[in-house]
Amino acid sequence: MQSFSVRELSSGDTDALLAFEAHNREWFESQIDARDPAFYTSAGVAEHIERYLSDFASGIWHPFVIQDPTGRIVGRANLKAIDSAQGLAEVGYRVGQEACGKGVATLALKHLIQQARSRWALTALVAYVYPDNIGSQKVLDRCGFVPEPRWEAQQIGTERRFVLTLSAPQSAR
């Protein structure tokens, strides 16, 4: 079994991230909303990384990449819209087609949960998933997320919200 690792996104990831995103573009666009075509350039990815790292420095975003044993990026994971006052953040992840079914998304989500607890002292995480994205729903379930009941007013085909309540961080003794 391959060993994958998760690490923070860095400004030096432009070429590797562009290669990952371009290689998986069709796969991602079959599952989620398409990115602007301008993203798929070195300048577009560099700007994207700069924005994410700026949001990380501001404490509202925590971006990660997932690597295979050779160091190639095979996925991404993020804590998004971090609200320390509310103890809440959204999780997001995307895994390249060739890495699907290898535990990469579960590894990434467990890493996000650990970071939410230890680094950000959050008490809840949320995720939004389209109803036909069964793989992501299984990953969320495996990691303890629970789907919120659908409201009557919600439209069919909209994203479904999943929630994970985290135990309160233990204080140092």
N, C-alpha and C. Protein backbone atom coordinates (compact mmCIF):
# COMPACT_ATOMS: atom_id res chain seq x y z
N MET A 1 0.84 -1.19 0.00
CA MET A 1 0.00 0.00 0.00
C MET A 1 0.88 1.24 0.00
N GLN A 2 0.50 2.21 -0.82
CA GLN A 2 1.25 3.45 -0.89
C GLN A 2 1.07 4.27 0.37
N SER A 3 2.10 5.03 0.69
CA SER A 3 2.04 5.92 1.85
C SER A 3 1.90 7.35 1.34
N PHE A 4 0.81 7.99 1.74
CA PHE A 4 0.55 9.36 1.34
C PHE A 4 0.79 10.27 2.54
N SER A 5 1.08 11.53 2.28
CA SER A 5 1.29 12.49 3.36
C SER A 5 0.54 13.78 3.06
N VAL A 6 0.26 14.53 4.12
CA VAL A 6 -0.44 15.80 4.00
C VAL A 6 0.48 16.88 4.58
N ARG A 7 0.61 17.98 3.85
CA ARG A 7 1.41 19.10 4.35
C ARG A 7 0.77 20.42 3.91
N GLU A 8 1.18 21.50 4.56
CA GLU A 8 0.65 22.81 4.21
C GLU A 8 1.08 23.20 2.80
N LEU A 9 0.18 23.88 2.11
CA LEU A 9 0.48 24.45 0.81
C LEU A 9 1.58 25.49 0.98
N SER A 10 2.48 25.59 0.00
CA SER A 10 3.54 26.60 0.07
C SER A 10 3.63 27.35 -1.26
N SER A 11 4.28 28.49 -1.23
CA SER A 11 4.42 29.31 -2.43
C SER A 11 5.24 28.60 -3.51
N GLY A 12 6.04 27.63 -3.14
CA GLY A 12 6.83 26.88 -4.11
C GLY A 12 6.08 25.77 -4.82
N ASP A 13 4.78 25.64 -4.57
CA ASP A 13 3.99 24.56 -5.14
C ASP A 13 3.36 24.88 -6.49
N THR A 14 3.67 26.02 -7.07
CA THR A 14 2.98 26.45 -8.29
C THR A 14 3.02 25.42 -9.40
N ASP A 15 4.20 24.96 -9.79
CA ASP A 15 4.30 24.04 -10.92
C ASP A 15 3.63 22.70 -10.61
N ALA A 16 3.86 22.17 -9.42
CA ALA A 16 3.29 20.87 -9.05
C ALA A 16 1.77 20.96 -8.94
N LEU A 17 1.27 22.06 -8.40
CA LEU A 17 -0.18 22.22 -8.26
C LEU A 17 -0.83 22.42 -9.63
N LEU A 18 -0.20 23.19 -10.50
CA LEU A 18 -0.72 23.36 -11.86
C LEU A 18 -0.78 22.01 -12.57
N ALA A 19 0.27 21.20 -12.44
CA ALA A 19 0.29 19.88 -13.08
C ALA A 19 -0.85 19.02 -12.55
N PHE A 20 -1.06 19.02 -11.25
CA PHE A 20 -2.15 18.25 -10.63
C PHE A 20 -3.51 18.71 -11.13
N GLU A 21 -3.74 20.01 -11.07
CA GLU A 21 -5.05 20.55 -11.46
C GLU A 21 -5.32 20.34 -12.95
N ALA A 22 -4.32 20.56 -13.79
CA ALA A 22 -4.51 20.39 -15.24
C ALA A 22 -4.75 18.92 -15.59
N HIS A 23 -4.00 18.03 -14.96
CA HIS A 23 -4.15 16.60 -15.23
C HIS A 23 -5.54 16.10 -14.83
N ASN A 24 -6.10 16.66 -13.78
CA ASN A 24 -7.40 16.20 -13.25
C ASN A 24 -8.57 17.12 -13.61
N ARG A 25 -8.32 18.08 -14.47
CA ARG A 25 -9.34 19.08 -14.79
C ARG A 25 -10.66 18.46 -15.24
N GLU A 26 -10.61 17.60 -16.21
CA GLU A 26 -11.84 16.97 -16.73
C GLU A 26 -12.55 16.17 -15.65
N TRP A 27 -11.79 15.44 -14.87
CA TRP A 27 -12.34 14.64 -13.76
C TRP A 27 -13.05 15.54 -12.76
N PHE A 28 -12.39 16.62 -12.33
CA PHE A 28 -13.00 17.52 -11.36
C PHE A 28 -14.24 18.19 -11.93
N GLU A 29 -14.16 18.64 -13.17
CA GLU A 29 -15.29 19.35 -13.76
C GLU A 29 -16.49 18.44 -14.00
N SER A 30 -16.28 17.13 -13.97
CA SER A 30 -17.41 16.21 -14.08
C SER A 30 -18.12 16.05 -12.73
N GLN A 31 -17.49 16.57 -11.66
CA GLN A 31 -18.03 16.39 -10.32
C GLN A 31 -18.41 17.68 -9.61
N ILE A 32 -17.69 18.75 -9.92
CA ILE A 32 -17.91 20.03 -9.24
C ILE A 32 -17.87 21.16 -10.26
N ASP A 33 -18.19 22.36 -9.82
CA ASP A 33 -18.17 23.51 -10.72
C ASP A 33 -16.77 23.73 -11.29
N ALA A 34 -16.73 24.10 -12.57
CA ALA A 34 -15.46 24.33 -13.27
C ALA A 34 -14.79 25.61 -12.77
N ARG A 35 -13.47 25.59 -12.77
CA ARG A 35 -12.69 26.79 -12.46
C ARG A 35 -12.62 27.67 -13.71
N ASP A 36 -12.34 28.94 -13.49
CA ASP A 36 -12.12 29.86 -14.59
C ASP A 36 -10.91 29.36 -15.40
N PRO A 37 -10.97 29.38 -16.72
CA PRO A 37 -9.84 28.92 -17.54
C PRO A 37 -8.52 29.62 -17.21
N ALA A 38 -8.58 30.88 -16.75
CA ALA A 38 -7.36 31.62 -16.40
C ALA A 38 -6.60 30.97 -15.23
N PHE A 39 -7.30 30.15 -14.45
CA PHE A 39 -6.64 29.46 -13.35
C PHE A 39 -5.55 28.53 -13.86
N TYR A 40 -5.75 27.92 -15.02
CA TYR A 40 -4.87 26.88 -15.53
C TYR A 40 -3.63 27.42 -16.24
N THR A 41 -2.97 28.38 -15.60
CA THR A 41 -1.71 28.94 -16.06
C THR A 41 -0.81 29.07 -14.84
N SER A 42 0.49 29.21 -15.06
CA SER A 42 1.40 29.40 -13.92
C SER A 42 1.01 30.64 -13.12
N ALA A 43 0.68 31.72 -13.83
CA ALA A 43 0.30 32.95 -13.14
C ALA A 43 -1.01 32.76 -12.37
N GLY A 44 -1.96 32.04 -12.97
CA GLY A 44 -3.24 31.80 -12.31
C GLY A 44 -3.09 30.97 -11.05
N VAL A 45 -2.29 29.93 -11.10
CA VAL A 45 -2.09 29.08 -9.92
C VAL A 45 -1.26 29.83 -8.88
N ALA A 46 -0.26 30.59 -9.29
CA ALA A 46 0.54 31.36 -8.34
C ALA A 46 -0.34 32.36 -7.60
N GLU A 47 -1.24 33.03 -8.32
CA GLU A 47 -2.17 33.97 -7.68
C GLU A 47 -3.10 33.25 -6.71
N HIS A 48 -3.58 32.07 -7.11
CA HIS A 48 -4.44 31.24 -6.27
C HIS A 48 -3.72 30.88 -4.96
N ILE A 49 -2.48 30.43 -5.08
CA ILE A 49 -1.70 30.07 -3.90
C ILE A 49 -1.47 31.29 -3.02
N GLU A 50 -1.11 32.40 -3.63
CA GLU A 50 -0.87 33.63 -2.87
C GLU A 50 -2.12 34.03 -2.06
N ARG A 51 -3.28 33.93 -2.70
CA ARG A 51 -4.54 34.27 -2.02
C ARG A 51 -4.81 33.32 -0.85
N TYR A 52 -4.59 32.03 -1.07
CA TYR A 52 -4.80 31.05 0.01
C TYR A 52 -3.84 31.29 1.16
N LEU A 53 -2.59 31.57 0.85
CA LEU A 53 -1.60 31.81 1.92
C LEU A 53 -1.88 33.11 2.66
N SER A 54 -2.39 34.11 1.97
CA SER A 54 -2.79 35.35 2.62
C SER A 54 -3.95 35.09 3.58
N ASP A 55 -4.93 34.30 3.12
CA ASP A 55 -6.06 33.95 3.99
C ASP A 55 -5.60 33.09 5.17
N PHE A 56 -4.59 32.25 4.96
CA PHE A 56 -4.02 31.46 6.05
C PHE A 56 -3.38 32.39 7.09
N ALA A 57 -2.61 33.37 6.62
CA ALA A 57 -1.97 34.33 7.53
C ALA A 57 -3.02 35.13 8.30
N SER A 58 -4.19 35.34 7.71
CA SER A 58 -5.28 36.06 8.36
C SER A 58 -6.11 35.16 9.29
N GLY A 59 -5.83 33.86 9.27
CA GLY A 59 -6.54 32.94 10.15
C GLY A 59 -7.92 32.54 9.70
N ILE A 60 -8.19 32.65 8.37
CA ILE A 60 -9.52 32.26 7.89
C ILE A 60 -9.49 31.08 6.93
N TRP A 61 -8.32 30.56 6.63
CA TRP A 61 -8.17 29.47 5.67
C TRP A 61 -6.92 28.70 6.05
N HIS A 62 -6.94 27.38 5.93
CA HIS A 62 -5.74 26.57 6.17
C HIS A 62 -5.62 25.56 5.04
N PRO A 63 -4.75 25.85 4.03
CA PRO A 63 -4.64 25.00 2.85
C PRO A 63 -3.54 23.93 2.98
N PHE A 64 -3.86 22.76 2.45
CA PHE A 64 -2.94 21.62 2.47
C PHE A 64 -2.88 20.97 1.09
N VAL A 65 -1.80 20.27 0.84
CA VAL A 65 -1.71 19.39 -0.32
C VAL A 65 -1.44 17.98 0.19
N ILE A 66 -1.85 17.01 -0.62
CA ILE A 66 -1.63 15.59 -0.31
C ILE A 66 -0.64 15.08 -1.35
N GLN A 67 0.38 14.39 -0.88
CA GLN A 67 1.43 13.91 -1.77
C GLN A 67 1.55 12.40 -1.72
N ASP A 68 1.97 11.82 -2.85
CA ASP A 68 2.29 10.40 -2.88
C ASP A 68 3.73 10.24 -2.39
N PRO A 69 4.24 9.02 -2.29
CA PRO A 69 5.60 8.81 -1.78
C PRO A 69 6.70 9.49 -2.60
N THR A 70 6.42 9.81 -3.86
CA THR A 70 7.43 10.48 -4.69
C THR A 70 7.38 11.99 -4.54
N GLY A 71 6.41 12.51 -3.79
CA GLY A 71 6.27 13.95 -3.61
C GLY A 71 5.31 14.61 -4.60
N ARG A 72 4.71 13.81 -5.47
CA ARG A 72 3.75 14.33 -6.45
C ARG A 72 2.44 14.65 -5.75
N ILE A 73 1.85 15.81 -6.06
CA ILE A 73 0.56 16.18 -5.47
C ILE A 73 -0.53 15.31 -6.08
N VAL A 74 -1.31 14.67 -5.21
CA VAL A 74 -2.42 13.81 -5.65
C VAL A 74 -3.76 14.28 -5.09
N GLY A 75 -3.72 15.35 -4.30
CA GLY A 75 -4.96 15.87 -3.74
C GLY A 75 -4.73 17.15 -2.97
N ARG A 76 -5.85 17.72 -2.55
CA ARG A 76 -5.82 18.96 -1.78
C ARG A 76 -6.84 18.84 -0.66
N ALA A 77 -6.62 19.58 0.41
CA ALA A 77 -7.57 19.62 1.52
C ALA A 77 -7.46 20.98 2.18
N ASN A 78 -8.59 21.52 2.61
CA ASN A 78 -8.60 22.85 3.20
C ASN A 78 -9.58 22.95 4.36
N LEU A 79 -9.17 23.71 5.36
CA LEU A 79 -10.10 24.24 6.34
C LEU A 79 -10.45 25.62 5.80
N LYS A 80 -11.74 25.87 5.57
CA LYS A 80 -12.18 27.11 4.93
C LYS A 80 -13.11 27.87 5.85
N ALA A 81 -13.17 29.17 5.64
CA ALA A 81 -14.09 30.03 6.40
C ALA A 81 -13.96 29.77 7.91
N ILE A 82 -12.71 29.73 8.36
CA ILE A 82 -12.46 29.48 9.79
C ILE A 82 -13.01 30.65 10.60
N ASP A 83 -13.86 30.32 11.54
CA ASP A 83 -14.46 31.32 12.43
C ASP A 83 -14.12 30.90 13.86
N SER A 84 -12.98 31.39 14.34
CA SER A 84 -12.52 31.01 15.68
C SER A 84 -13.50 31.42 16.77
N ALA A 85 -14.16 32.56 16.59
CA ALA A 85 -15.12 33.02 17.60
C ALA A 85 -16.29 32.05 17.73
N GLN A 86 -16.74 31.51 16.61
CA GLN A 86 -17.84 30.54 16.61
C GLN A 86 -17.35 29.10 16.79
N GLY A 87 -16.02 28.89 16.65
CA GLY A 87 -15.46 27.55 16.77
C GLY A 87 -15.81 26.66 15.58
N LEU A 88 -15.94 27.27 14.42
CA LEU A 88 -16.48 26.57 13.25
C LEU A 88 -15.61 26.79 12.01
N ALA A 89 -15.54 25.77 11.16
CA ALA A 89 -14.90 25.90 9.85
C ALA A 89 -15.55 24.92 8.90
N GLU A 90 -15.36 25.17 7.63
CA GLU A 90 -15.82 24.26 6.59
C GLU A 90 -14.62 23.45 6.10
N VAL A 91 -14.86 22.20 5.75
CA VAL A 91 -13.80 21.38 5.18
C VAL A 91 -14.05 21.20 3.70
N GLY A 92 -12.98 21.06 2.96
CA GLY A 92 -13.08 20.77 1.54
C GLY A 92 -11.87 19.96 1.12
N TYR A 93 -12.07 19.07 0.17
CA TYR A 93 -10.95 18.28 -0.33
C TYR A 93 -11.27 17.85 -1.76
N ARG A 94 -10.21 17.61 -2.50
CA ARG A 94 -10.33 17.07 -3.85
C ARG A 94 -9.16 16.13 -4.06
N VAL A 95 -9.47 14.98 -4.61
CA VAL A 95 -8.46 13.94 -4.83
C VAL A 95 -8.42 13.63 -6.32
N GLY A 96 -7.22 13.53 -6.86
CA GLY A 96 -7.06 13.20 -8.26
C GLY A 96 -7.65 11.83 -8.57
N GLN A 97 -8.10 11.65 -9.79
CA GLN A 97 -8.77 10.42 -10.19
C GLN A 97 -7.93 9.18 -9.93
N GLU A 98 -6.63 9.24 -10.21
CA GLU A 98 -5.77 8.08 -10.05
C GLU A 98 -5.55 7.70 -8.58
N ALA A 99 -5.80 8.62 -7.67
CA ALA A 99 -5.60 8.35 -6.24
C ALA A 99 -6.90 7.96 -5.53
N CYS A 100 -8.02 8.02 -6.24
CA CYS A 100 -9.30 7.66 -5.61
C CYS A 100 -9.31 6.19 -5.20
N GLY A 101 -9.99 5.92 -4.10
CA GLY A 101 -10.11 4.55 -3.61
C GLY A 101 -8.90 4.03 -2.87
N LYS A 102 -7.96 4.92 -2.54
CA LYS A 102 -6.73 4.51 -1.87
C LYS A 102 -6.62 5.08 -0.46
N GLY A 103 -7.72 5.63 0.04
CA GLY A 103 -7.72 6.18 1.40
C GLY A 103 -7.20 7.59 1.51
N VAL A 104 -6.95 8.24 0.38
CA VAL A 104 -6.36 9.58 0.38
C VAL A 104 -7.32 10.61 0.98
N ALA A 105 -8.58 10.57 0.58
CA ALA A 105 -9.56 11.54 1.10
C ALA A 105 -9.76 11.35 2.60
N THR A 106 -9.81 10.12 3.05
CA THR A 106 -9.97 9.86 4.48
C THR A 106 -8.76 10.36 5.26
N LEU A 107 -7.56 10.10 4.74
CA LEU A 107 -6.34 10.61 5.37
C LEU A 107 -6.39 12.12 5.47
N ALA A 108 -6.77 12.78 4.38
CA ALA A 108 -6.83 14.24 4.36
C ALA A 108 -7.86 14.77 5.34
N LEU A 109 -9.04 14.17 5.36
CA LEU A 109 -10.09 14.65 6.26
C LEU A 109 -9.70 14.44 7.72
N LYS A 110 -9.08 13.33 8.03
CA LYS A 110 -8.60 13.11 9.41
C LYS A 110 -7.55 14.15 9.78
N HIS A 111 -6.71 14.53 8.82
CA HIS A 111 -5.72 15.57 9.07
C HIS A 111 -6.41 16.91 9.35
N LEU A 112 -7.43 17.23 8.56
CA LEU A 112 -8.17 18.47 8.79
C LEU A 112 -8.83 18.47 10.17
N ILE A 113 -9.39 17.35 10.56
CA ILE A 113 -10.03 17.24 11.89
C ILE A 113 -8.99 17.47 12.98
N GLN A 114 -7.83 16.85 12.83
CA GLN A 114 -6.76 17.01 13.82
C GLN A 114 -6.31 18.46 13.90
N GLN A 115 -6.14 19.11 12.75
CA GLN A 115 -5.72 20.51 12.74
C GLN A 115 -6.81 21.41 13.33
N ALA A 116 -8.06 21.11 13.04
CA ALA A 116 -9.18 21.89 13.59
C ALA A 116 -9.17 21.85 15.11
N ARG A 117 -8.87 20.68 15.65
CA ARG A 117 -8.83 20.54 17.11
C ARG A 117 -7.58 21.18 17.71
N SER A 118 -6.42 20.78 17.22
CA SER A 118 -5.17 21.16 17.89
C SER A 118 -4.69 22.57 17.56
N ARG A 119 -4.77 22.96 16.32
CA ARG A 119 -4.24 24.28 15.95
C ARG A 119 -5.27 25.39 16.10
N TRP A 120 -6.53 25.10 15.75
CA TRP A 120 -7.56 26.13 15.72
C TRP A 120 -8.55 26.06 16.88
N ALA A 121 -8.51 24.99 17.68
CA ALA A 121 -9.42 24.81 18.83
C ALA A 121 -10.89 24.97 18.42
N LEU A 122 -11.24 24.39 17.28
CA LEU A 122 -12.61 24.48 16.79
C LEU A 122 -13.49 23.43 17.46
N THR A 123 -14.78 23.67 17.46
CA THR A 123 -15.72 22.74 18.09
C THR A 123 -16.66 22.08 17.09
N ALA A 124 -16.64 22.52 15.83
CA ALA A 124 -17.48 21.90 14.81
C ALA A 124 -16.91 22.15 13.43
N LEU A 125 -17.14 21.18 12.55
CA LEU A 125 -16.76 21.29 11.15
C LEU A 125 -17.99 20.98 10.30
N VAL A 126 -18.07 21.65 9.15
CA VAL A 126 -19.15 21.38 8.21
C VAL A 126 -18.57 21.07 6.85
N ALA A 127 -19.33 20.31 6.08
CA ALA A 127 -18.95 19.98 4.70
C ALA A 127 -20.21 20.03 3.86
N TYR A 128 -20.05 20.42 2.60
CA TYR A 128 -21.16 20.48 1.66
C TYR A 128 -20.84 19.54 0.50
N VAL A 129 -21.79 18.65 0.19
CA VAL A 129 -21.56 17.63 -0.83
C VAL A 129 -22.81 17.52 -1.71
N TYR A 130 -22.58 17.41 -3.02
CA TYR A 130 -23.69 17.17 -3.93
C TYR A 130 -24.24 15.76 -3.68
N PRO A 131 -25.54 15.57 -3.81
CA PRO A 131 -26.17 14.27 -3.51
C PRO A 131 -25.59 13.10 -4.30
N ASP A 132 -25.11 13.34 -5.52
CA ASP A 132 -24.58 12.23 -6.32
C ASP A 132 -23.10 11.95 -6.06
N ASN A 133 -22.48 12.68 -5.15
CA ASN A 133 -21.07 12.44 -4.81
C ASN A 133 -21.01 11.45 -3.65
N ILE A 134 -21.31 10.21 -3.97
CA ILE A 134 -21.40 9.15 -2.96
C ILE A 134 -20.05 8.91 -2.29
N GLY A 135 -18.96 9.00 -3.05
CA GLY A 135 -17.63 8.78 -2.48
C GLY A 135 -17.33 9.74 -1.34
N SER A 136 -17.60 11.03 -1.55
CA SER A 136 -17.35 12.01 -0.49
C SER A 136 -18.28 11.79 0.70
N GLN A 137 -19.51 11.39 0.43
CA GLN A 137 -20.42 11.11 1.54
C GLN A 137 -19.91 9.95 2.39
N LYS A 138 -19.34 8.94 1.76
CA LYS A 138 -18.79 7.80 2.49
C LYS A 138 -17.59 8.23 3.34
N VAL A 139 -16.74 9.09 2.78
CA VAL A 139 -15.58 9.59 3.52
C VAL A 139 -16.05 10.38 4.74
N LEU A 140 -17.02 11.25 4.54
CA LEU A 140 -17.54 12.04 5.67
C LEU A 140 -18.13 11.14 6.74
N ASP A 141 -18.90 10.15 6.34
CA ASP A 141 -19.49 9.20 7.29
C ASP A 141 -18.39 8.45 8.06
N ARG A 142 -17.39 8.00 7.34
CA ARG A 142 -16.27 7.26 7.95
C ARG A 142 -15.56 8.09 9.01
N CYS A 143 -15.55 9.41 8.83
CA CYS A 143 -14.86 10.31 9.76
C CYS A 143 -15.79 10.93 10.80
N GLY A 144 -17.04 10.47 10.86
CA GLY A 144 -17.94 10.89 11.92
C GLY A 144 -18.88 12.03 11.60
N PHE A 145 -18.86 12.54 10.36
CA PHE A 145 -19.79 13.60 9.97
C PHE A 145 -21.19 13.03 9.84
N VAL A 146 -22.18 13.84 10.19
CA VAL A 146 -23.57 13.42 10.14
C VAL A 146 -24.33 14.37 9.21
N PRO A 147 -25.13 13.82 8.30
CA PRO A 147 -25.91 14.71 7.43
C PRO A 147 -27.00 15.42 8.21
N GLU A 148 -27.18 16.69 7.91
CA GLU A 148 -28.29 17.41 8.52
C GLU A 148 -29.56 17.02 7.78
N PRO A 149 -30.68 16.97 8.50
CA PRO A 149 -31.94 16.65 7.82
C PRO A 149 -32.24 17.70 6.76
N ARG A 150 -32.76 17.26 5.66
CA ARG A 150 -33.11 18.20 4.57
C ARG A 150 -34.37 18.95 4.96
N TRP A 151 -34.36 20.23 4.66
CA TRP A 151 -35.54 21.06 4.89
C TRP A 151 -36.46 20.91 3.69
N GLU A 152 -37.73 21.00 3.91
CA GLU A 152 -38.71 20.90 2.84
C GLU A 152 -38.45 21.91 1.73
N ALA A 153 -37.98 23.11 2.09
CA ALA A 153 -37.80 24.17 1.11
C ALA A 153 -36.55 23.98 0.24
N GLN A 154 -35.66 23.06 0.63
CA GLN A 154 -34.44 22.87 -0.15
C GLN A 154 -34.77 22.27 -1.51
N GLN A 155 -34.05 22.71 -2.50
CA GLN A 155 -34.27 22.20 -3.85
C GLN A 155 -33.50 20.89 -4.04
N ILE A 156 -34.07 20.03 -4.84
CA ILE A 156 -33.40 18.79 -5.20
C ILE A 156 -32.14 19.16 -5.98
N GLY A 157 -31.05 18.46 -5.72
CA GLY A 157 -29.81 18.69 -6.45
C GLY A 157 -28.87 19.69 -5.81
N THR A 158 -29.32 20.37 -4.76
CA THR A 158 -28.42 21.30 -4.09
C THR A 158 -27.51 20.52 -3.15
N GLU A 159 -26.44 21.16 -2.76
CA GLU A 159 -25.50 20.50 -1.87
C GLU A 159 -26.16 20.16 -0.53
N ARG A 160 -25.71 19.08 0.04
CA ARG A 160 -26.20 18.64 1.34
C ARG A 160 -25.13 18.97 2.38
N ARG A 161 -25.57 19.41 3.54
CA ARG A 161 -24.66 19.82 4.62
C ARG A 161 -24.44 18.65 5.58
N PHE A 162 -23.16 18.41 5.91
CA PHE A 162 -22.77 17.41 6.89
C PHE A 162 -22.04 18.13 8.02
N VAL A 163 -22.19 17.65 9.25
CA VAL A 163 -21.61 18.32 10.40
C VAL A 163 -20.87 17.30 11.27
N LEU A 164 -19.75 17.74 11.81
CA LEU A 164 -19.00 16.97 12.80
C LEU A 164 -18.81 17.83 14.02
N THR A 165 -19.31 17.37 15.16
CA THR A 165 -19.10 18.08 16.42
C THR A 165 -17.81 17.55 17.02
N LEU A 166 -16.89 18.46 17.32
CA LEU A 166 -15.59 18.09 17.90
C LEU A 166 -15.66 18.24 19.41
N SER A 167 -14.98 17.38 20.10
CA SER A 167 -14.92 17.54 21.55
C SER A 167 -14.13 18.81 21.87
N ALA A 168 -14.49 19.42 22.95
CA ALA A 168 -13.79 20.64 23.38
C ALA A 168 -12.33 20.31 23.63
N PRO A 169 -11.43 21.20 23.23
CA PRO A 169 -10.01 20.96 23.47
C PRO A 169 -9.74 20.86 24.96
N GLN A 170 -8.87 19.94 25.32
CA GLN A 170 -8.51 19.79 26.73
C GLN A 170 -7.52 20.88 27.10
N SER A 171 -7.73 21.48 28.25
CA SER A 171 -6.79 22.52 28.70
C SER A 171 -5.54 21.89 29.26
N ALA A 172 -4.46 22.63 29.16
CA ALA A 172 -3.17 22.13 29.68
C ALA A 172 -3.24 22.07 31.20
N ARG A 173 -2.65 21.06 31.76
CA ARG A 173 -2.68 20.90 33.22
C ARG A 173 -1.35 21.16 33.83
